[in-house]
Amino acid sequence: MSSRNAVAEPDLERMGRRLGRPGWWFVVLSAVLAVPGVVLVAFTHSWALALGVVILALAVGPALVGVALLLSSLVARWSARHKSFA
């Protein structure tokens, strides 16, 4: 490991890895929910279109949680190396 990528704070690195694991599962869950919703919105009309919109709305929640966890993980792992953000 080079000194450029050395982890200055291993506890913060570990916390970043902990935040990243469930983040991917939330993103996968939202994708699994969103695919049928997109199909319903794209290829149907009437009540099935409304059902597709509802399914897409339900997929937004896990997607936001997953993206937030992944971004928090990225920030934690980046700051564990004491690198500048700018």
C-alpha atoms as a PDB file:
ATOM      1  CA  MET A   1       0.000   0.000   0.000  1.00  0.00           C
ATOM      2  CA  SER A   2       1.432   3.346  -0.968  1.00  0.00           C
ATOM      3  CA  SER A   3       1.623   6.225   1.449  1.00  0.00           C
ATOM      4  CA  ARG A   4      -0.752   8.142  -0.803  1.00  0.00           C
ATOM      5  CA  ASN A   5      -3.596   5.654  -0.176  1.00  0.00           C
ATOM      6  CA  ALA A   6      -2.741   4.861   3.441  1.00  0.00           C
ATOM      7  CA  VAL A   7      -5.693   4.905   5.816  1.00  0.00           C
ATOM      8  CA  ALA A   8      -5.051   7.400   8.574  1.00  0.00           C
ATOM      9  CA  GLU A   9      -8.189   6.490  10.542  1.00  0.00           C
ATOM     10  CA  PRO A  10      -9.097   2.794  10.265  1.00  0.00           C
ATOM     11  CA  ASP A  11     -12.263   3.209  12.369  1.00  0.00           C
ATOM     12  CA  LEU A  12     -13.648   5.736   9.915  1.00  0.00           C
ATOM     13  CA  GLU A  13     -12.717   3.442   7.016  1.00  0.00           C
ATOM     14  CA  ARG A  14     -14.577   0.586   8.701  1.00  0.00           C
ATOM     15  CA  MET A  15     -17.632   2.799   9.222  1.00  0.00           C
ATOM     16  CA  GLY A  16     -17.565   3.705   5.547  1.00  0.00           C
ATOM     17  CA  ARG A  17     -17.570   0.033   4.567  1.00  0.00           C
ATOM     18  CA  ARG A  18     -20.457  -0.598   6.978  1.00  0.00           C
ATOM     19  CA  LEU A  19     -22.524   2.143   5.390  1.00  0.00           C
ATOM     20  CA  GLY A  20     -21.823   0.922   1.870  1.00  0.00           C
ATOM     21  CA  ARG A  21     -23.051  -2.651   2.245  1.00  0.00           C
ATOM     22  CA  PRO A  22     -26.736  -1.926   2.947  1.00  0.00           C
ATOM     23  CA  GLY A  23     -26.651   0.952   0.478  1.00  0.00           C
ATOM     24  CA  TRP A  24     -26.209  -1.446  -2.430  1.00  0.00           C
ATOM     25  CA  TRP A  25     -29.079  -3.604  -1.219  1.00  0.00           C
ATOM     26  CA  PHE A  26     -31.403  -0.599  -1.104  1.00  0.00           C
ATOM     27  CA  VAL A  27     -30.394   0.371  -4.643  1.00  0.00           C
ATOM     28  CA  VAL A  28     -31.026  -3.179  -5.873  1.00  0.00           C
ATOM     29  CA  LEU A  29     -34.400  -3.256  -4.107  1.00  0.00           C
ATOM     30  CA  SER A  30     -35.432  -0.005  -5.741  1.00  0.00           C
ATOM     31  CA  ALA A  31     -34.333  -1.267  -9.166  1.00  0.00           C
ATOM     32  CA  VAL A  32     -36.361  -4.454  -8.701  1.00  0.00           C
ATOM     33  CA  LEU A  33     -39.389  -2.314  -7.845  1.00  0.00           C
ATOM     34  CA  ALA A  34     -38.812   0.206 -10.609  1.00  0.00           C
ATOM     35  CA  VAL A  35     -38.496  -2.201 -13.548  1.00  0.00           C
ATOM     36  CA  PRO A  36     -42.126  -3.396 -13.494  1.00  0.00           C
ATOM     37  CA  GLY A  37     -43.245   0.177 -12.892  1.00  0.00           C
ATOM     38  CA  VAL A  38     -41.393   1.420 -15.958  1.00  0.00           C
ATOM     39  CA  VAL A  39     -42.820  -1.411 -18.056  1.00  0.00           C
ATOM     40  CA  LEU A  40     -46.344  -0.598 -16.921  1.00  0.00           C
ATOM     41  CA  VAL A  41     -45.910   3.117 -17.593  1.00  0.00           C
ATOM     42  CA  ALA A  42     -44.333   2.565 -20.997  1.00  0.00           C
ATOM     43  CA  PHE A  43     -46.652  -0.069 -22.439  1.00  0.00           C
ATOM     44  CA  THR A  44     -50.055   0.321 -20.825  1.00  0.00           C
ATOM     45  CA  HIS A  45     -52.824   2.834 -20.308  1.00  0.00           C
ATOM     46  CA  SER A  46     -55.803   3.327 -18.017  1.00  0.00           C
ATOM     47  CA  TRP A  47     -55.562   1.816 -14.506  1.00  0.00           C
ATOM     48  CA  ALA A  48     -52.357  -0.102 -15.285  1.00  0.00           C
ATOM     49  CA  LEU A  49     -50.599   3.186 -16.039  1.00  0.00           C
ATOM     50  CA  ALA A  50     -51.655   4.501 -12.644  1.00  0.00           C
ATOM     51  CA  LEU A  51     -50.411   1.299 -11.021  1.00  0.00           C
ATOM     52  CA  GLY A  52     -47.051   1.759 -12.749  1.00  0.00           C
ATOM     53  CA  VAL A  53     -46.770   5.299 -11.411  1.00  0.00           C
ATOM     54  CA  VAL A  54     -47.565   4.066  -7.890  1.00  0.00           C
ATOM     55  CA  ILE A  55     -44.929   1.333  -8.163  1.00  0.00           C
ATOM     56  CA  LEU A  56     -42.370   3.890  -9.346  1.00  0.00           C
ATOM     57  CA  ALA A  57     -43.288   6.146  -6.437  1.00  0.00           C
ATOM     58  CA  LEU A  58     -42.697   3.242  -4.054  1.00  0.00           C
ATOM     59  CA  ALA A  59     -39.282   2.625  -5.635  1.00  0.00           C
ATOM     60  CA  VAL A  60     -38.128   6.185  -4.966  1.00  0.00           C
ATOM     61  CA  GLY A  61     -37.871   5.679  -1.186  1.00  0.00           C
ATOM     62  CA  PRO A  62     -35.355   2.824  -1.167  1.00  0.00           C
ATOM     63  CA  ALA A  63     -33.440   4.521  -3.977  1.00  0.00           C
ATOM     64  CA  LEU A  64     -32.991   7.687  -1.935  1.00  0.00           C
ATOM     65  CA  VAL A  65     -31.928   5.734   1.143  1.00  0.00           C
ATOM     66  CA  GLY A  66     -29.461   3.658  -0.882  1.00  0.00           C
ATOM     67  CA  VAL A  67     -27.896   6.643  -2.616  1.00  0.00           C
ATOM     68  CA  ALA A  68     -27.607   8.502   0.696  1.00  0.00           C
ATOM     69  CA  LEU A  69     -25.874   5.514   2.313  1.00  0.00           C
ATOM     70  CA  LEU A  70     -23.489   5.134  -0.617  1.00  0.00           C
ATOM     71  CA  LEU A  71     -22.598   8.839  -0.587  1.00  0.00           C
ATOM     72  CA  SER A  72     -22.068   8.737   3.187  1.00  0.00           C
ATOM     73  CA  SER A  73     -19.841   5.715   2.719  1.00  0.00           C
ATOM     74  CA  LEU A  74     -17.828   7.519   0.076  1.00  0.00           C
ATOM     75  CA  VAL A  75     -17.344  10.579   2.276  1.00  0.00           C
ATOM     76  CA  ALA A  76     -16.347   8.483   5.299  1.00  0.00           C
ATOM     77  CA  ARG A  77     -13.811   6.446   3.343  1.00  0.00           C
ATOM     78  CA  TRP A  78     -12.413   9.544   1.632  1.00  0.00           C
ATOM     79  CA  SER A  79     -12.011  11.448   4.891  1.00  0.00           C
ATOM     80  CA  ALA A  80     -10.409   8.406   6.567  1.00  0.00           C
ATOM     81  CA  ARG A  81      -7.428   9.026   4.271  1.00  0.00           C
ATOM     82  CA  HIS A  82      -7.317  12.743   5.199  1.00  0.00           C
ATOM     83  CA  LYS A  83      -7.686  13.780   1.580  1.00  0.00           C
ATOM     84  CA  SER A  84      -9.031  17.172   0.607  1.00  0.00           C
ATOM     85  CA  PHE A  85     -12.543  17.324  -0.837  1.00  0.00           C
ATOM     86  CA  ALA A  86     -11.828  20.343  -2.998  1.00  0.00           C
END
